[in-house]
Amino acid sequence: MVNLRVKLTFPEDLVRTAVLAQIVRRFDVDPNIRRAAVEEHSGWIICELDGEAGDVEAAMAYLRGEGVGVDLLGDVLES
């Protein structure tokens, strides 16, 4: 299991899309939201993604493919 801290940046067309719900369902990854700012035209979330290493990587690839900016913030913890 890994715990990866990331910043997700959403463009205007994705602000109202439930992409975190999708990664929970599709990849068995648990996002733990630490901070967020969502406005009408953009938004960002700092969260920790918990799950198996391959699932977390697949979830980040999915987010990037959907147009979400994914920036690694370090703090990778393996258990």
N, C-alpha and C. Protein backbone atom coordinates (compact mmCIF):
# COMPACT_ATOMS: atom_id res chain seq x y z
N MET A 1 0.84 -1.18 0.00
CA MET A 1 0.00 0.00 0.00
C MET A 1 0.89 1.25 0.00
N VAL A 2 0.44 2.26 -0.72
CA VAL A 2 1.15 3.53 -0.74
C VAL A 2 0.20 4.65 -0.37
N ASN A 3 0.77 5.71 0.10
CA ASN A 3 0.04 6.94 0.40
C ASN A 3 0.80 8.04 -0.31
N LEU A 4 0.17 8.65 -1.31
CA LEU A 4 0.84 9.63 -2.16
C LEU A 4 0.11 10.95 -2.08
N ARG A 5 0.83 12.02 -1.78
CA ARG A 5 0.23 13.35 -1.69
C ARG A 5 0.35 14.03 -3.05
N VAL A 6 -0.80 14.52 -3.56
CA VAL A 6 -0.84 15.14 -4.87
C VAL A 6 -1.68 16.42 -4.84
N LYS A 7 -1.42 17.27 -5.81
CA LYS A 7 -2.29 18.43 -6.04
C LYS A 7 -2.98 18.20 -7.37
N LEU A 8 -4.30 18.22 -7.34
CA LEU A 8 -5.11 18.05 -8.54
C LEU A 8 -5.65 19.40 -8.94
N THR A 9 -5.46 19.78 -10.19
CA THR A 9 -5.93 21.07 -10.70
C THR A 9 -6.96 20.82 -11.79
N PHE A 10 -8.13 21.43 -11.62
CA PHE A 10 -9.26 21.20 -12.50
C PHE A 10 -9.52 22.41 -13.38
N PRO A 11 -9.58 22.21 -14.70
CA PRO A 11 -9.99 23.30 -15.58
C PRO A 11 -11.51 23.51 -15.47
N GLU A 12 -11.98 24.59 -16.01
CA GLU A 12 -13.39 24.97 -15.88
C GLU A 12 -14.35 23.85 -16.29
N ASP A 13 -14.07 23.15 -17.36
CA ASP A 13 -15.01 22.13 -17.84
C ASP A 13 -15.06 20.88 -16.95
N LEU A 14 -14.16 20.75 -15.98
CA LEU A 14 -14.16 19.59 -15.09
C LEU A 14 -14.52 19.92 -13.64
N VAL A 15 -14.79 21.19 -13.35
CA VAL A 15 -15.03 21.58 -11.96
C VAL A 15 -16.22 20.82 -11.37
N ARG A 16 -17.23 20.56 -12.16
CA ARG A 16 -18.43 19.88 -11.65
C ARG A 16 -18.45 18.38 -11.93
N THR A 17 -17.34 17.82 -12.38
CA THR A 17 -17.25 16.40 -12.69
C THR A 17 -16.74 15.63 -11.47
N ALA A 18 -17.34 14.49 -11.19
CA ALA A 18 -17.00 13.70 -10.00
C ALA A 18 -15.83 12.75 -10.29
N VAL A 19 -14.67 13.31 -10.60
CA VAL A 19 -13.53 12.46 -10.96
C VAL A 19 -12.99 11.69 -9.75
N LEU A 20 -13.06 12.24 -8.55
CA LEU A 20 -12.60 11.49 -7.39
C LEU A 20 -13.47 10.27 -7.15
N ALA A 21 -14.76 10.40 -7.34
CA ALA A 21 -15.66 9.25 -7.21
C ALA A 21 -15.29 8.17 -8.23
N GLN A 22 -14.90 8.59 -9.42
CA GLN A 22 -14.52 7.64 -10.46
C GLN A 22 -13.28 6.84 -10.08
N ILE A 23 -12.27 7.50 -9.48
CA ILE A 23 -11.06 6.73 -9.13
C ILE A 23 -11.33 5.79 -7.96
N VAL A 24 -12.27 6.15 -7.09
CA VAL A 24 -12.64 5.22 -6.01
C VAL A 24 -13.26 3.97 -6.61
N ARG A 25 -14.19 4.15 -7.54
CA ARG A 25 -14.91 3.02 -8.14
C ARG A 25 -14.02 2.19 -9.08
N ARG A 26 -13.26 2.87 -9.92
CA ARG A 26 -12.50 2.17 -10.96
C ARG A 26 -11.20 1.55 -10.47
N PHE A 27 -10.54 2.22 -9.52
CA PHE A 27 -9.18 1.80 -9.18
C PHE A 27 -8.99 1.41 -7.71
N ASP A 28 -10.06 1.43 -6.92
CA ASP A 28 -9.96 1.08 -5.50
C ASP A 28 -8.91 1.94 -4.80
N VAL A 29 -8.93 3.23 -5.10
CA VAL A 29 -8.03 4.20 -4.48
C VAL A 29 -8.86 5.11 -3.58
N ASP A 30 -8.37 5.34 -2.37
CA ASP A 30 -9.08 6.21 -1.42
C ASP A 30 -8.42 7.58 -1.38
N PRO A 31 -9.13 8.63 -1.83
CA PRO A 31 -8.58 9.98 -1.71
C PRO A 31 -8.95 10.57 -0.36
N ASN A 32 -7.98 11.18 0.29
CA ASN A 32 -8.20 11.88 1.55
C ASN A 32 -7.92 13.35 1.28
N ILE A 33 -8.99 14.15 1.19
CA ILE A 33 -8.84 15.57 0.84
C ILE A 33 -8.29 16.33 2.04
N ARG A 34 -7.18 17.02 1.83
CA ARG A 34 -6.53 17.80 2.90
C ARG A 34 -6.83 19.29 2.78
N ARG A 35 -6.91 19.79 1.56
CA ARG A 35 -7.23 21.20 1.29
C ARG A 35 -7.87 21.26 -0.08
N ALA A 36 -8.69 22.28 -0.28
CA ALA A 36 -9.31 22.43 -1.60
C ALA A 36 -9.82 23.86 -1.76
N ALA A 37 -9.88 24.29 -3.00
CA ALA A 37 -10.50 25.55 -3.37
C ALA A 37 -11.16 25.32 -4.73
N VAL A 38 -12.47 25.40 -4.74
CA VAL A 38 -13.21 25.18 -5.97
C VAL A 38 -14.06 26.41 -6.23
N GLU A 39 -13.88 26.96 -7.41
CA GLU A 39 -14.65 28.13 -7.81
C GLU A 39 -15.35 27.82 -9.12
N GLU A 40 -16.07 28.77 -9.65
CA GLU A 40 -16.85 28.56 -10.85
C GLU A 40 -16.01 28.18 -12.06
N HIS A 41 -14.82 28.76 -12.18
CA HIS A 41 -14.02 28.58 -13.39
C HIS A 41 -12.80 27.69 -13.23
N SER A 42 -12.46 27.31 -12.02
CA SER A 42 -11.31 26.44 -11.80
C SER A 42 -11.34 25.91 -10.38
N GLY A 43 -10.46 24.97 -10.11
CA GLY A 43 -10.38 24.45 -8.76
C GLY A 43 -9.13 23.62 -8.57
N TRP A 44 -8.79 23.41 -7.31
CA TRP A 44 -7.66 22.54 -6.99
C TRP A 44 -7.96 21.80 -5.71
N ILE A 45 -7.35 20.64 -5.58
CA ILE A 45 -7.49 19.81 -4.39
C ILE A 45 -6.11 19.26 -4.05
N ILE A 46 -5.74 19.38 -2.80
CA ILE A 46 -4.56 18.67 -2.30
C ILE A 46 -5.10 17.48 -1.53
N CYS A 47 -4.69 16.30 -1.96
CA CYS A 47 -5.19 15.10 -1.30
C CYS A 47 -4.12 14.03 -1.24
N GLU A 48 -4.39 13.05 -0.41
CA GLU A 48 -3.55 11.87 -0.32
C GLU A 48 -4.29 10.74 -1.02
N LEU A 49 -3.61 10.03 -1.88
CA LEU A 49 -4.20 8.88 -2.56
C LEU A 49 -3.65 7.62 -1.92
N ASP A 50 -4.52 6.82 -1.35
CA ASP A 50 -4.13 5.57 -0.67
C ASP A 50 -4.58 4.38 -1.49
N GLY A 51 -3.70 3.41 -1.65
CA GLY A 51 -4.05 2.19 -2.35
C GLY A 51 -2.81 1.42 -2.75
N GLU A 52 -3.03 0.35 -3.48
CA GLU A 52 -1.90 -0.41 -4.02
C GLU A 52 -1.17 0.46 -5.02
N ALA A 53 0.14 0.32 -5.10
CA ALA A 53 0.96 1.19 -5.95
C ALA A 53 0.46 1.22 -7.40
N GLY A 54 0.16 0.08 -7.97
CA GLY A 54 -0.32 0.03 -9.35
C GLY A 54 -1.66 0.72 -9.53
N ASP A 55 -2.54 0.59 -8.53
CA ASP A 55 -3.85 1.24 -8.60
C ASP A 55 -3.72 2.75 -8.52
N VAL A 56 -2.83 3.23 -7.65
CA VAL A 56 -2.62 4.68 -7.52
C VAL A 56 -2.04 5.24 -8.82
N GLU A 57 -1.08 4.54 -9.40
CA GLU A 57 -0.50 4.98 -10.68
C GLU A 57 -1.56 5.01 -11.78
N ALA A 58 -2.40 3.98 -11.83
CA ALA A 58 -3.46 3.92 -12.84
C ALA A 58 -4.47 5.04 -12.62
N ALA A 59 -4.79 5.34 -11.38
CA ALA A 59 -5.73 6.42 -11.08
C ALA A 59 -5.17 7.77 -11.51
N MET A 60 -3.88 8.00 -11.27
CA MET A 60 -3.26 9.26 -11.70
C MET A 60 -3.23 9.36 -13.22
N ALA A 61 -2.97 8.26 -13.90
CA ALA A 61 -2.97 8.26 -15.36
C ALA A 61 -4.37 8.56 -15.88
N TYR A 62 -5.38 8.00 -15.24
CA TYR A 62 -6.77 8.27 -15.63
C TYR A 62 -7.09 9.76 -15.45
N LEU A 63 -6.71 10.32 -14.31
CA LEU A 63 -6.98 11.75 -14.05
C LEU A 63 -6.31 12.62 -15.11
N ARG A 64 -5.06 12.32 -15.41
CA ARG A 64 -4.35 13.09 -16.44
C ARG A 64 -5.05 12.96 -17.80
N GLY A 65 -5.50 11.76 -18.12
CA GLY A 65 -6.20 11.52 -19.37
C GLY A 65 -7.51 12.28 -19.47
N GLU A 66 -8.14 12.54 -18.33
CA GLU A 66 -9.39 13.30 -18.30
C GLU A 66 -9.16 14.80 -18.36
N GLY A 67 -7.89 15.23 -18.23
CA GLY A 67 -7.58 16.65 -18.29
C GLY A 67 -7.30 17.31 -16.95
N VAL A 68 -7.21 16.50 -15.90
CA VAL A 68 -6.89 17.02 -14.57
C VAL A 68 -5.37 17.15 -14.46
N GLY A 69 -4.88 18.28 -13.96
CA GLY A 69 -3.46 18.43 -13.68
C GLY A 69 -3.11 17.66 -12.43
N VAL A 70 -2.09 16.83 -12.48
CA VAL A 70 -1.67 16.02 -11.33
C VAL A 70 -0.22 16.35 -11.03
N ASP A 71 0.01 16.97 -9.88
CA ASP A 71 1.37 17.31 -9.45
C ASP A 71 1.70 16.55 -8.18
N LEU A 72 2.82 15.83 -8.19
CA LEU A 72 3.25 15.10 -7.00
C LEU A 72 3.83 16.07 -5.98
N LEU A 73 3.44 15.89 -4.74
CA LEU A 73 3.93 16.77 -3.67
C LEU A 73 4.87 16.03 -2.74
N GLY A 74 5.27 14.84 -3.09
CA GLY A 74 6.18 14.08 -2.25
C GLY A 74 5.41 13.29 -1.21
N ASP A 75 6.06 12.97 -0.12
CA ASP A 75 5.45 12.23 0.98
C ASP A 75 4.86 10.90 0.55
N VAL A 76 5.65 10.10 -0.13
CA VAL A 76 5.20 8.76 -0.49
C VAL A 76 5.50 7.85 0.69
N LEU A 77 4.46 7.25 1.23
CA LEU A 77 4.62 6.35 2.37
C LEU A 77 4.14 4.98 1.96
N GLU A 78 4.97 3.96 2.17
CA GLU A 78 4.57 2.59 1.88
C GLU A 78 4.34 1.87 3.20
N SER A 79 3.30 1.04 3.20
CA SER A 79 3.05 0.25 4.41
C SER A 79 2.98 -1.23 4.09
